[in-house]
PDB file of all heavy atoms in Angstrom:
ATOM      1  N   GLU A   1      80.467  75.347 111.658  1.00  0.00           N
ATOM      2  CA  GLU A   1      79.999  74.512 112.830  1.00  0.00           C
ATOM      3  C   GLU A   1      80.436  72.998 112.511  1.00  0.00           C
ATOM      4  O   GLU A   1      79.729  72.061 113.011  1.00  0.00           O
ATOM      5  CB  GLU A   1      78.487  74.624 112.964  1.00  0.00           C
ATOM      6  CG  GLU A   1      78.039  75.999 113.442  1.00  0.00           C
ATOM      7  CD  GLU A   1      78.584  76.362 114.833  1.00  0.00           C
ATOM      8  OE1 GLU A   1      78.752  75.428 115.708  1.00  0.00           O
ATOM      9  OE2 GLU A   1      78.904  77.531 115.086  1.00  0.00           O
ATOM     10  N   LEU A   2      81.478  72.760 111.752  1.00  0.00           N
ATOM     11  CA  LEU A   2      81.935  71.525 111.436  1.00  0.00           C
ATOM     12  C   LEU A   2      82.454  70.777 112.710  1.00  0.00           C
ATOM     13  O   LEU A   2      82.997  71.423 113.608  1.00  0.00           O
ATOM     14  CB  LEU A   2      83.059  71.488 110.336  1.00  0.00           C
ATOM     15  CG  LEU A   2      82.640  72.125 109.053  1.00  0.00           C
ATOM     16  CD1 LEU A   2      83.896  72.283 108.183  1.00  0.00           C
ATOM     17  CD2 LEU A   2      81.661  71.271 108.334  1.00  0.00           C
ATOM     18  N   ASN A   3      82.397  69.462 112.725  1.00  0.00           N
ATOM     19  CA  ASN A   3      83.090  68.758 113.872  1.00  0.00           C
ATOM     20  C   ASN A   3      84.553  68.995 113.740  1.00  0.00           C
ATOM     21  O   ASN A   3      85.063  69.182 112.590  1.00  0.00           O
ATOM     22  CB  ASN A   3      82.609  67.331 113.925  1.00  0.00           C
ATOM     23  CG  ASN A   3      83.128  66.354 112.815  1.00  0.00           C
ATOM     24  OD1 ASN A   3      84.283  66.385 112.520  1.00  0.00           O
ATOM     25  ND2 ASN A   3      82.236  65.675 112.242  1.00  0.00           N
ATOM     26  N   ARG A   4      85.204  68.777 114.770  1.00  0.00           N
ATOM     27  CA  ARG A   4      86.751  69.177 114.791  1.00  0.00           C
ATOM     28  C   ARG A   4      87.470  68.391 113.746  1.00  0.00           C
ATOM     29  O   ARG A   4      88.308  69.002 112.969  1.00  0.00           O
ATOM     30  CB  ARG A   4      87.196  68.856 116.211  1.00  0.00           C
ATOM     31  CG  ARG A   4      88.713  69.272 116.299  1.00  0.00           C
ATOM     32  CD  ARG A   4      89.113  69.204 117.747  1.00  0.00           C
ATOM     33  NE  ARG A   4      90.537  69.732 117.945  1.00  0.00           N
ATOM     34  CZ  ARG A   4      91.568  68.938 118.258  1.00  0.00           C
ATOM     35  NH1 ARG A   4      91.359  67.701 118.422  1.00  0.00           N
ATOM     36  NH2 ARG A   4      92.732  69.440 118.347  1.00  0.00           N
ATOM     37  N   PRO A   5      87.406  67.020 113.632  1.00  0.00           N
ATOM     38  CA  PRO A   5      88.184  66.313 112.625  1.00  0.00           C
ATOM     39  C   PRO A   5      87.963  66.809 111.147  1.00  0.00           C
ATOM     40  O   PRO A   5      88.872  66.885 110.402  1.00  0.00           O
ATOM     41  CB  PRO A   5      87.863  64.772 112.851  1.00  0.00           C
ATOM     42  CG  PRO A   5      87.373  64.741 114.204  1.00  0.00           C
ATOM     43  CD  PRO A   5      86.677  66.125 114.427  1.00  0.00           C
ATOM     44  N   VAL A   6      86.729  67.034 110.915  1.00  0.00           N
ATOM     45  CA  VAL A   6      86.356  67.528 109.507  1.00  0.00           C
ATOM     46  C   VAL A   6      86.974  68.866 109.265  1.00  0.00           C
ATOM     47  O   VAL A   6      87.636  69.189 108.263  1.00  0.00           O
ATOM     48  CB  VAL A   6      84.903  67.543 109.283  1.00  0.00           C
ATOM     49  CG1 VAL A   6      84.474  68.264 107.939  1.00  0.00           C
ATOM     50  CG2 VAL A   6      84.282  66.146 109.271  1.00  0.00           C
ATOM     51  N   ALA A   7      86.863  69.753 110.261  1.00  0.00           N
ATOM     52  CA  ALA A   7      87.420  71.140 110.058  1.00  0.00           C
ATOM     53  C   ALA A   7      88.884  71.078 109.974  1.00  0.00           C
ATOM     54  O   ALA A   7      89.443  71.777 109.100  1.00  0.00           O
ATOM     55  CB  ALA A   7      87.019  71.989 111.341  1.00  0.00           C
ATOM     56  N   LEU A   8      89.538  70.236 110.796  1.00  0.00           N
ATOM     57  CA  LEU A   8      91.050  70.121 110.767  1.00  0.00           C
ATOM     58  C   LEU A   8      91.504  69.526 109.453  1.00  0.00           C
ATOM     59  O   LEU A   8      92.528  69.886 108.931  1.00  0.00           O
ATOM     60  CB  LEU A   8      91.454  69.394 111.957  1.00  0.00           C
ATOM     61  CG  LEU A   8      91.460  70.214 113.305  1.00  0.00           C
ATOM     62  CD1 LEU A   8      91.813  69.306 114.510  1.00  0.00           C
ATOM     63  CD2 LEU A   8      92.245  71.449 113.237  1.00  0.00           C
ATOM     64  N   GLN A   9      90.747  68.572 108.955  1.00  0.00           N
ATOM     65  CA  GLN A   9      91.109  68.057 107.613  1.00  0.00           C
ATOM     66  C   GLN A   9      91.062  69.062 106.524  1.00  0.00           C
ATOM     67  O   GLN A   9      91.972  69.159 105.726  1.00  0.00           O
ATOM     68  CB  GLN A   9      90.225  66.874 107.254  1.00  0.00           C
ATOM     69  CG  GLN A   9      90.644  66.129 105.918  1.00  0.00           C
ATOM     70  CD  GLN A   9      91.962  65.593 106.107  1.00  0.00           C
ATOM     71  OE1 GLN A   9      92.181  64.560 106.966  1.00  0.00           O
ATOM     72  NE2 GLN A   9      93.015  65.905 105.322  1.00  0.00           N
ATOM     73  N   ARG A  10      90.105  69.944 106.583  1.00  0.00           N
ATOM     74  CA  ARG A  10      89.954  71.015 105.632  1.00  0.00           C
ATOM     75  C   ARG A  10      91.135  71.932 105.787  1.00  0.00           C
ATOM     76  O   ARG A  10      91.689  72.524 104.846  1.00  0.00           O
ATOM     77  CB  ARG A  10      88.649  71.685 105.752  1.00  0.00           C
ATOM     78  CG  ARG A  10      87.487  70.865 105.252  1.00  0.00           C
ATOM     79  CD  ARG A  10      86.191  71.618 105.124  1.00  0.00           C
ATOM     80  NE  ARG A  10      85.125  70.774 104.679  1.00  0.00           N
ATOM     81  CZ  ARG A  10      83.846  71.068 104.683  1.00  0.00           C
ATOM     82  NH1 ARG A  10      83.508  72.259 105.000  1.00  0.00           N
ATOM     83  NH2 ARG A  10      82.943  70.194 104.287  1.00  0.00           N
ATOM     84  N   VAL A  11      91.466  72.317 107.103  1.00  0.00           N
ATOM     85  CA  VAL A  11      92.608  73.137 107.317  1.00  0.00           C
ATOM     86  C   VAL A  11      93.870  72.588 106.695  1.00  0.00           C
ATOM     87  O   VAL A  11      94.636  73.334 105.996  1.00  0.00           O
ATOM     88  CB  VAL A  11      92.730  73.411 108.814  1.00  0.00           C
ATOM     89  CG1 VAL A  11      94.130  73.964 109.185  1.00  0.00           C
ATOM     90  CG2 VAL A  11      91.680  74.251 109.370  1.00  0.00           C
ATOM     91  N   ALA A  12      94.173  71.321 106.933  1.00  0.00           N
ATOM     92  CA  ALA A  12      95.335  70.638 106.430  1.00  0.00           C
ATOM     93  C   ALA A  12      95.364  70.689 104.940  1.00  0.00           C
ATOM     94  O   ALA A  12      96.408  70.996 104.279  1.00  0.00           O
ATOM     95  CB  ALA A  12      95.467  69.253 106.935  1.00  0.00           C
ATOM     96  N   ASP A  13      94.182  70.430 104.242  1.00  0.00           N
ATOM     97  CA  ASP A  13      94.090  70.469 102.812  1.00  0.00           C
ATOM     98  C   ASP A  13      94.363  71.868 102.263  1.00  0.00           C
ATOM     99  O   ASP A  13      95.039  72.029 101.277  1.00  0.00           O
ATOM    100  CB  ASP A  13      92.730  70.050 102.318  1.00  0.00           C
ATOM    101  CG  ASP A  13      92.479  68.478 102.611  1.00  0.00           C
ATOM    102  OD1 ASP A  13      93.496  67.813 102.766  1.00  0.00           O
ATOM    103  OD2 ASP A  13      91.313  68.115 102.596  1.00  0.00           O
ATOM    104  N   VAL A  14      93.811  72.887 102.912  1.00  0.00           N
ATOM    105  CA  VAL A  14      94.051  74.296 102.496  1.00  0.00           C
ATOM    106  C   VAL A  14      95.472  74.742 102.619  1.00  0.00           C
ATOM    107  O   VAL A  14      96.009  75.348 101.660  1.00  0.00           O
ATOM    108  CB  VAL A  14      93.016  75.246 103.207  1.00  0.00           C
ATOM    109  CG1 VAL A  14      93.444  76.719 103.075  1.00  0.00           C
ATOM    110  CG2 VAL A  14      91.544  74.870 102.760  1.00  0.00           C
ATOM    111  N   ILE A  15      96.029  74.448 103.718  1.00  0.00           N
ATOM    112  CA  ILE A  15      97.452  74.763 103.922  1.00  0.00           C
ATOM    113  C   ILE A  15      98.359  74.080 102.924  1.00  0.00           C
ATOM    114  O   ILE A  15      99.175  74.716 102.365  1.00  0.00           O
ATOM    115  CB  ILE A  15      97.975  74.456 105.400  1.00  0.00           C
ATOM    116  CG1 ILE A  15      97.273  75.384 106.355  1.00  0.00           C
ATOM    117  CG2 ILE A  15      99.408  74.656 105.459  1.00  0.00           C
ATOM    118  CD1 ILE A  15      97.546  75.085 107.851  1.00  0.00           C
ATOM    119  N   LYS A  16      98.082  72.825 102.688  1.00  0.00           N
ATOM    120  CA  LYS A  16      98.859  72.035 101.701  1.00  0.00           C
ATOM    121  C   LYS A  16      98.812  72.610 100.334  1.00  0.00           C
ATOM    122  O   LYS A  16      99.797  72.864  99.710  1.00  0.00           O
ATOM    123  CB  LYS A  16      98.449  70.524 101.719  1.00  0.00           C
ATOM    124  CG  LYS A  16      99.284  69.712 100.698  1.00  0.00           C
ATOM    125  CD  LYS A  16      98.683  68.298 100.725  1.00  0.00           C
ATOM    126  CE  LYS A  16      99.375  67.455  99.685  1.00  0.00           C
ATOM    127  NZ  LYS A  16      99.036  67.758  98.335  1.00  0.00           N
ATOM    128  N   SER A  17      97.575  72.949  99.884  1.00  0.00           N
ATOM    129  CA  SER A  17      97.459  73.454  98.539  1.00  0.00           C
ATOM    130  C   SER A  17      97.968  74.892  98.394  1.00  0.00           C
ATOM    131  O   SER A  17      98.433  75.298  97.352  1.00  0.00           O
ATOM    132  CB  SER A  17      96.042  73.336  98.034  1.00  0.00           C
ATOM    133  OG  SER A  17      95.210  74.170  98.857  1.00  0.00           O
ATOM    134  N   SER A  18      97.958  75.591  99.418  1.00  0.00           N
ATOM    135  CA  SER A  18      98.322  77.041  99.380  1.00  0.00           C
ATOM    136  C   SER A  18      99.739  77.309  99.106  1.00  0.00           C
ATOM    137  O   SER A  18     100.206  78.205  98.573  1.00  0.00           O
ATOM    138  CB  SER A  18      97.943  77.734 100.743  1.00  0.00           C
ATOM    139  OG  SER A  18      98.843  77.374 101.740  1.00  0.00           O
ATOM    140  N   GLY A  19     100.603  76.343  99.570  1.00  0.00           N
ATOM    141  CA  GLY A  19     102.036  76.478  99.327  1.00  0.00           C
ATOM    142  C   GLY A  19     102.564  75.416  98.481  1.00  0.00           C
ATOM    143  O   GLY A  19     103.770  75.253  98.333  1.00  0.00           O
ATOM    144  N   SER A  20     101.715  74.608  97.813  1.00  0.00           N
ATOM    145  CA  SER A  20     102.147  73.503  96.978  1.00  0.00           C
ATOM    146  C   SER A  20     103.025  72.612  97.842  1.00  0.00           C
ATOM    147  O   SER A  20     104.070  72.163  97.250  1.00  0.00           O
ATOM    148  CB  SER A  20     102.823  74.030  95.679  1.00  0.00           C
ATOM    149  OG  SER A  20     101.902  74.802  94.952  1.00  0.00           O
ATOM    150  N   TYR A  21     102.656  72.493  99.049  1.00  0.00           N
ATOM    151  CA  TYR A  21     103.455  71.558  99.893  1.00  0.00           C
ATOM    152  C   TYR A  21     103.137  70.046  99.655  1.00  0.00           C
ATOM    153  O   TYR A  21     102.091  69.750  99.194  1.00  0.00           O
ATOM    154  CB  TYR A  21     103.220  71.829 101.350  1.00  0.00           C
ATOM    155  CG  TYR A  21     103.536  73.281 101.748  1.00  0.00           C
ATOM    156  CD1 TYR A  21     102.619  74.005 102.455  1.00  0.00           C
ATOM    157  CD2 TYR A  21     104.753  73.893 101.390  1.00  0.00           C
ATOM    158  CE1 TYR A  21     102.976  75.378 102.783  1.00  0.00           C
ATOM    159  CE2 TYR A  21     105.100  75.162 101.629  1.00  0.00           C
ATOM    160  CZ  TYR A  21     104.146  75.905 102.385  1.00  0.00           C
ATOM    161  OH  TYR A  21     104.414  77.232 102.728  1.00  0.00           O
ATOM    162  N   ARG A  22     104.007  69.174  99.962  1.00  0.00           N
ATOM    163  CA  ARG A  22     103.766  67.720  99.684  1.00  0.00           C
ATOM    164  C   ARG A  22     102.960  67.114 100.837  1.00  0.00           C
ATOM    165  O   ARG A  22     102.063  66.252 100.647  1.00  0.00           O
ATOM    166  CB  ARG A  22     105.136  66.979  99.525  1.00  0.00           C
ATOM    167  CG  ARG A  22     104.790  65.501  99.286  1.00  0.00           C
ATOM    168  CD  ARG A  22     106.019  64.678  99.280  1.00  0.00           C
ATOM    169  NE  ARG A  22     106.716  64.914 100.601  1.00  0.00           N
ATOM    170  CZ  ARG A  22     107.798  64.293 100.851  1.00  0.00           C
ATOM    171  NH1 ARG A  22     108.264  63.330 100.096  1.00  0.00           N
ATOM    172  NH2 ARG A  22     108.387  64.479 102.015  1.00  0.00           N
ATOM    173  N   TRP A  23     103.151  67.602 102.073  1.00  0.00           N
ATOM    174  CA  TRP A  23     102.486  66.941 103.212  1.00  0.00           C
ATOM    175  C   TRP A  23     102.276  67.905 104.338  1.00  0.00           C
ATOM    176  O   TRP A  23     103.148  68.743 104.654  1.00  0.00           O
ATOM    177  CB  TRP A  23     103.396  65.720 103.736  1.00  0.00           C
ATOM    178  CG  TRP A  23     102.699  64.791 104.701  1.00  0.00           C
ATOM    179  CD1 TRP A  23     101.990  63.705 104.227  1.00  0.00           C
ATOM    180  CD2 TRP A  23     102.622  64.879 106.096  1.00  0.00           C
ATOM    181  NE1 TRP A  23     101.512  63.122 105.341  1.00  0.00           N
ATOM    182  CE2 TRP A  23     101.886  63.773 106.540  1.00  0.00           C
ATOM    183  CE3 TRP A  23     103.130  65.827 107.000  1.00  0.00           C
ATOM    184  CZ2 TRP A  23     101.650  63.568 107.822  1.00  0.00           C
ATOM    185  CZ3 TRP A  23     102.872  65.568 108.330  1.00  0.00           C
ATOM    186  CH2 TRP A  23     102.127  64.504 108.779  1.00  0.00           C
ATOM    187  N   VAL A  24     101.017  67.933 104.938  1.00  0.00           N
ATOM    188  CA  VAL A  24     100.806  68.716 106.107  1.00  0.00           C
ATOM    189  C   VAL A  24     100.054  67.883 107.116  1.00  0.00           C
ATOM    190  O   VAL A  24      99.145  67.182 106.755  1.00  0.00           O
ATOM    191  CB  VAL A  24      99.865  69.950 105.724  1.00  0.00           C
ATOM    192  CG1 VAL A  24      99.399  70.716 106.910  1.00  0.00           C
ATOM    193  CG2 VAL A  24     100.590  70.889 104.699  1.00  0.00           C
ATOM    194  N   GLY A  25     100.566  67.913 108.339  1.00  0.00           N
ATOM    195  CA  GLY A  25      99.896  67.209 109.395  1.00  0.00           C
ATOM    196  C   GLY A  25      99.546  68.156 110.570  1.00  0.00           C
ATOM    197  O   GLY A  25     100.313  69.076 110.753  1.00  0.00           O
ATOM    198  N   LEU A  26      98.521  67.853 111.282  1.00  0.00           N
ATOM    199  CA  LEU A  26      98.062  68.674 112.401  1.00  0.00           C
ATOM    200  C   LEU A  26      98.063  67.706 113.569  1.00  0.00           C
ATOM    201  O   LEU A  26      97.585  66.611 113.500  1.00  0.00           O
ATOM    202  CB  LEU A  26      96.673  69.256 112.214  1.00  0.00           C
ATOM    203  CG  LEU A  26      96.529  70.224 111.091  1.00  0.00           C
ATOM    204  CD1 LEU A  26      95.176  70.691 110.883  1.00  0.00           C
ATOM    205  CD2 LEU A  26      97.563  71.502 111.220  1.00  0.00           C
ATOM    206  N   TYR A  27      98.660  68.166 114.711  1.00  0.00           N
ATOM    207  CA  TYR A  27      98.853  67.359 115.863  1.00  0.00           C
ATOM    208  C   TYR A  27      98.228  67.935 117.152  1.00  0.00           C
ATOM    209  O   TYR A  27      98.292  69.163 117.272  1.00  0.00           O
ATOM    210  CB  TYR A  27     100.388  67.112 116.120  1.00  0.00           C
ATOM    211  CG  TYR A  27     101.030  66.293 115.092  1.00  0.00           C
ATOM    212  CD1 TYR A  27     101.325  66.791 113.744  1.00  0.00           C
ATOM    213  CD2 TYR A  27     101.270  64.905 115.270  1.00  0.00           C
ATOM    214  CE1 TYR A  27     101.859  65.948 112.835  1.00  0.00           C
ATOM    215  CE2 TYR A  27     101.841  64.160 114.342  1.00  0.00           C
ATOM    216  CZ  TYR A  27     102.171  64.636 113.048  1.00  0.00           C
ATOM    217  OH  TYR A  27     102.752  63.810 112.153  1.00  0.00           O
ATOM    218  N   ASP A  28      97.878  67.082 118.075  1.00  0.00           N
ATOM    219  CA  ASP A  28      97.531  67.475 119.439  1.00  0.00           C
ATOM    220  C   ASP A  28      98.745  67.142 120.323  1.00  0.00           C
ATOM    221  O   ASP A  28      99.404  66.205 120.117  1.00  0.00           O
ATOM    222  CB  ASP A  28      96.287  66.616 119.970  1.00  0.00           C
ATOM    223  CG  ASP A  28      94.934  67.141 119.612  1.00  0.00           C
ATOM    224  OD1 ASP A  28      94.870  68.354 119.387  1.00  0.00           O
ATOM    225  OD2 ASP A  28      94.061  66.302 119.513  1.00  0.00           O
ATOM    226  N   VAL A  29      98.984  68.089 121.258  1.00  0.00           N
ATOM    227  CA  VAL A  29      99.946  67.923 122.288  1.00  0.00           C
ATOM    228  C   VAL A  29      99.195  67.466 123.562  1.00  0.00           C
ATOM    229  O   VAL A  29      98.435  68.377 124.143  1.00  0.00           O
ATOM    230  CB  VAL A  29     100.807  69.190 122.548  1.00  0.00           C
ATOM    231  CG1 VAL A  29     101.787  68.978 123.647  1.00  0.00           C
ATOM    232  CG2 VAL A  29     101.531  69.580 121.193  1.00  0.00           C
TER     233      VAL A  29
END
């Protein structure tokens, strides 16, 4: 039940660490 920005920040962090990626961004269209 996290607010959207907090949930999306966690999503970006998890994706970044999962692939040892340098940068992950999430965008609205």
